[in-house]
C-alpha cells in the first residue's frame, strides 16, 4: 500500500518538528505560547498538504 501524497507531506513536516521540539520550546519560553504555535503549525501543515494533494489531483 502506497501512502498518499498528503500523508507523506504531513509526515515530512512532523519529523523536523519532533527533532527540534526541545530547541523550539526553549526558544519560545512560554509553554502556553509554544502549545499555541505548535497547534497552528500542525493546522497549517495540514492545509498545505491538502492543497498540494488537490493541486496534484487536478493536474491528472
N, C-alpha and C. Protein backbone atom coordinates (compact mmCIF):
# COMPACT_ATOMS: atom_id res chain seq x y z
N UNK A 1 0.84 -1.18 0.00
CA UNK A 1 0.00 0.00 0.00
C UNK A 1 0.89 1.24 0.00
N UNK A 2 0.67 2.10 -0.96
CA UNK A 2 1.46 3.32 -1.09
C UNK A 2 0.80 4.46 -0.30
N UNK A 3 1.57 5.17 0.54
CA UNK A 3 0.97 6.28 1.29
C UNK A 3 0.59 7.42 0.35
N UNK A 4 -0.45 8.15 0.72
CA UNK A 4 -0.90 9.26 -0.12
C UNK A 4 0.10 10.41 -0.05
N UNK A 5 0.03 11.28 -1.02
CA UNK A 5 0.91 12.45 -1.06
C UNK A 5 0.64 13.34 0.15
N UNK A 6 -0.62 13.44 0.54
CA UNK A 6 -1.00 14.26 1.68
C UNK A 6 -0.33 13.75 2.97
N UNK A 7 -0.37 12.45 3.17
CA UNK A 7 0.25 11.85 4.35
C UNK A 7 1.76 12.03 4.32
N UNK A 8 2.37 11.85 3.17
CA UNK A 8 3.82 11.99 3.05
C UNK A 8 4.27 13.42 3.37
N UNK A 9 3.54 14.40 2.89
CA UNK A 9 3.88 15.80 3.15
C UNK A 9 3.70 16.11 4.63
N UNK A 10 2.61 15.64 5.21
CA UNK A 10 2.35 15.87 6.63
C UNK A 10 3.45 15.22 7.48
N UNK A 11 3.82 14.02 7.14
CA UNK A 11 4.88 13.31 7.87
C UNK A 11 6.22 14.04 7.72
N UNK A 12 6.50 14.56 6.54
CA UNK A 12 7.75 15.30 6.31
C UNK A 12 7.78 16.58 7.15
N UNK A 13 6.65 17.13 7.49
CA UNK A 13 6.60 18.31 8.34
C UNK A 13 6.66 17.97 9.82
N UNK A 14 6.18 16.80 10.18
CA UNK A 14 6.19 16.36 11.58
C UNK A 14 7.59 15.98 12.03
N UNK A 15 8.37 15.37 11.16
CA UNK A 15 9.71 14.90 11.53
C UNK A 15 10.60 16.03 12.04
N UNK A 16 10.75 17.15 11.32
CA UNK A 16 11.58 18.23 11.87
C UNK A 16 11.00 18.83 13.15
N UNK A 17 9.67 18.88 13.23
CA UNK A 17 9.06 19.41 14.46
C UNK A 17 9.41 18.52 15.65
N UNK A 18 9.43 17.24 15.44
CA UNK A 18 9.81 16.31 16.51
C UNK A 18 11.29 16.37 16.85
N UNK A 19 12.10 16.52 15.83
CA UNK A 19 13.55 16.56 16.06
C UNK A 19 13.99 17.83 16.79
N UNK A 20 13.34 18.94 16.50
CA UNK A 20 13.74 20.22 17.09
C UNK A 20 12.77 20.70 18.17
N UNK A 21 11.97 19.78 18.69
CA UNK A 21 10.95 20.10 19.69
C UNK A 21 11.53 20.86 20.89
N UNK A 22 12.56 20.33 21.50
CA UNK A 22 13.14 20.96 22.70
C UNK A 22 13.77 22.31 22.38
N UNK A 23 14.46 22.40 21.26
CA UNK A 23 15.09 23.67 20.88
C UNK A 23 14.05 24.77 20.67
N UNK A 24 12.97 24.42 19.99
CA UNK A 24 11.91 25.39 19.73
C UNK A 24 11.22 25.78 21.03
N UNK A 25 10.95 24.79 21.86
CA UNK A 25 10.27 25.04 23.14
C UNK A 25 11.11 25.97 24.03
N UNK A 26 12.41 25.74 24.07
CA UNK A 26 13.29 26.61 24.87
C UNK A 26 13.39 28.01 24.28
N UNK A 27 13.38 28.12 22.96
CA UNK A 27 13.47 29.43 22.31
C UNK A 27 12.22 30.27 22.54
N UNK A 28 11.05 29.62 22.56
CA UNK A 28 9.80 30.34 22.76
C UNK A 28 9.66 30.78 24.22
N UNK A 29 9.99 29.89 25.14
CA UNK A 29 9.96 30.25 26.55
C UNK A 29 8.66 29.90 27.25
N UNK A 30 7.56 30.42 26.81
CA UNK A 30 6.26 30.19 27.45
C UNK A 30 5.65 28.88 26.95
N UNK A 31 5.21 28.04 27.88
CA UNK A 31 4.61 26.77 27.49
C UNK A 31 3.30 26.96 26.73
N UNK A 32 2.49 27.89 27.18
CA UNK A 32 1.20 28.11 26.52
C UNK A 32 1.39 28.69 25.11
N UNK A 33 2.36 29.59 24.96
CA UNK A 33 2.64 30.14 23.64
C UNK A 33 3.21 29.07 22.72
N UNK A 34 4.08 28.24 23.24
CA UNK A 34 4.63 27.13 22.45
C UNK A 34 3.52 26.21 21.98
N UNK A 35 2.60 25.87 22.87
CA UNK A 35 1.49 24.99 22.51
C UNK A 35 0.65 25.61 21.40
N UNK A 36 0.32 26.88 21.54
CA UNK A 36 -0.48 27.57 20.52
C UNK A 36 0.24 27.61 19.17
N UNK A 37 1.54 27.89 19.21
CA UNK A 37 2.31 27.93 17.96
C UNK A 37 2.41 26.55 17.33
N UNK A 38 2.57 25.53 18.14
CA UNK A 38 2.69 24.17 17.62
C UNK A 38 1.37 23.71 16.99
N UNK A 39 0.27 24.03 17.63
CA UNK A 39 -1.04 23.68 17.06
C UNK A 39 -1.26 24.44 15.75
N UNK A 40 -0.89 25.71 15.72
CA UNK A 40 -1.01 26.50 14.49
C UNK A 40 -0.14 25.90 13.38
N UNK A 41 1.06 25.46 13.73
CA UNK A 41 1.96 24.83 12.75
C UNK A 41 1.33 23.55 12.19
N UNK A 42 0.77 22.73 13.06
CA UNK A 42 0.16 21.48 12.60
C UNK A 42 -1.05 21.75 11.70
N UNK A 43 -1.86 22.73 12.04
CA UNK A 43 -3.00 23.07 11.20
C UNK A 43 -2.55 23.62 9.85
N UNK A 44 -1.54 24.46 9.86
CA UNK A 44 -1.01 25.00 8.61
C UNK A 44 -0.42 23.89 7.75
N UNK A 45 0.29 22.98 8.38
CA UNK A 45 0.88 21.86 7.66
C UNK A 45 -0.21 21.00 7.03
N UNK A 46 -1.28 20.80 7.75
CA UNK A 46 -2.41 20.02 7.23
C UNK A 46 -3.04 20.72 6.02
N UNK A 47 -3.20 22.04 6.10
CA UNK A 47 -3.79 22.79 4.98
C UNK A 47 -2.88 22.78 3.76
N UNK A 48 -1.58 22.90 3.98
CA UNK A 48 -0.63 22.85 2.87
C UNK A 48 -0.66 21.48 2.21
N UNK A 49 -0.69 20.43 3.01
CA UNK A 49 -0.73 19.07 2.47
C UNK A 49 -2.01 18.85 1.66
N UNK A 50 -3.14 19.33 2.17
CA UNK A 50 -4.40 19.19 1.44
C UNK A 50 -4.38 19.99 0.15
N UNK A 51 -3.79 21.18 0.18
CA UNK A 51 -3.69 21.99 -1.02
C UNK A 51 -2.82 21.35 -2.09
N UNK A 52 -1.71 20.76 -1.67
CA UNK A 52 -0.84 20.09 -2.63
C UNK A 52 -1.51 18.85 -3.19
N UNK A 53 -2.24 18.12 -2.35
CA UNK A 53 -2.97 16.95 -2.84
C UNK A 53 -4.01 17.37 -3.89
N UNK A 54 -4.72 18.47 -3.62
CA UNK A 54 -5.71 18.97 -4.56
C UNK A 54 -5.05 19.40 -5.86
N UNK A 55 -3.90 20.06 -5.75
CA UNK A 55 -3.17 20.50 -6.93
C UNK A 55 -2.72 19.32 -7.78
N UNK A 56 -2.21 18.28 -7.13
CA UNK A 56 -1.76 17.09 -7.86
C UNK A 56 -2.94 16.38 -8.52
N UNK A 57 -4.05 16.27 -7.82
CA UNK A 57 -5.20 15.58 -8.39
C UNK A 57 -5.83 16.35 -9.55
N UNK A 58 -5.75 17.68 -9.52
CA UNK A 58 -6.28 18.49 -10.62
C UNK A 58 -5.41 18.43 -11.86
N UNK A 59 -4.13 18.16 -11.69
CA UNK A 59 -3.22 18.06 -12.84
C UNK A 59 -3.42 16.78 -13.61
N UNK A 60 -3.98 15.77 -12.99
CA UNK A 60 -4.14 14.46 -13.65
C UNK A 60 -5.36 14.41 -14.47
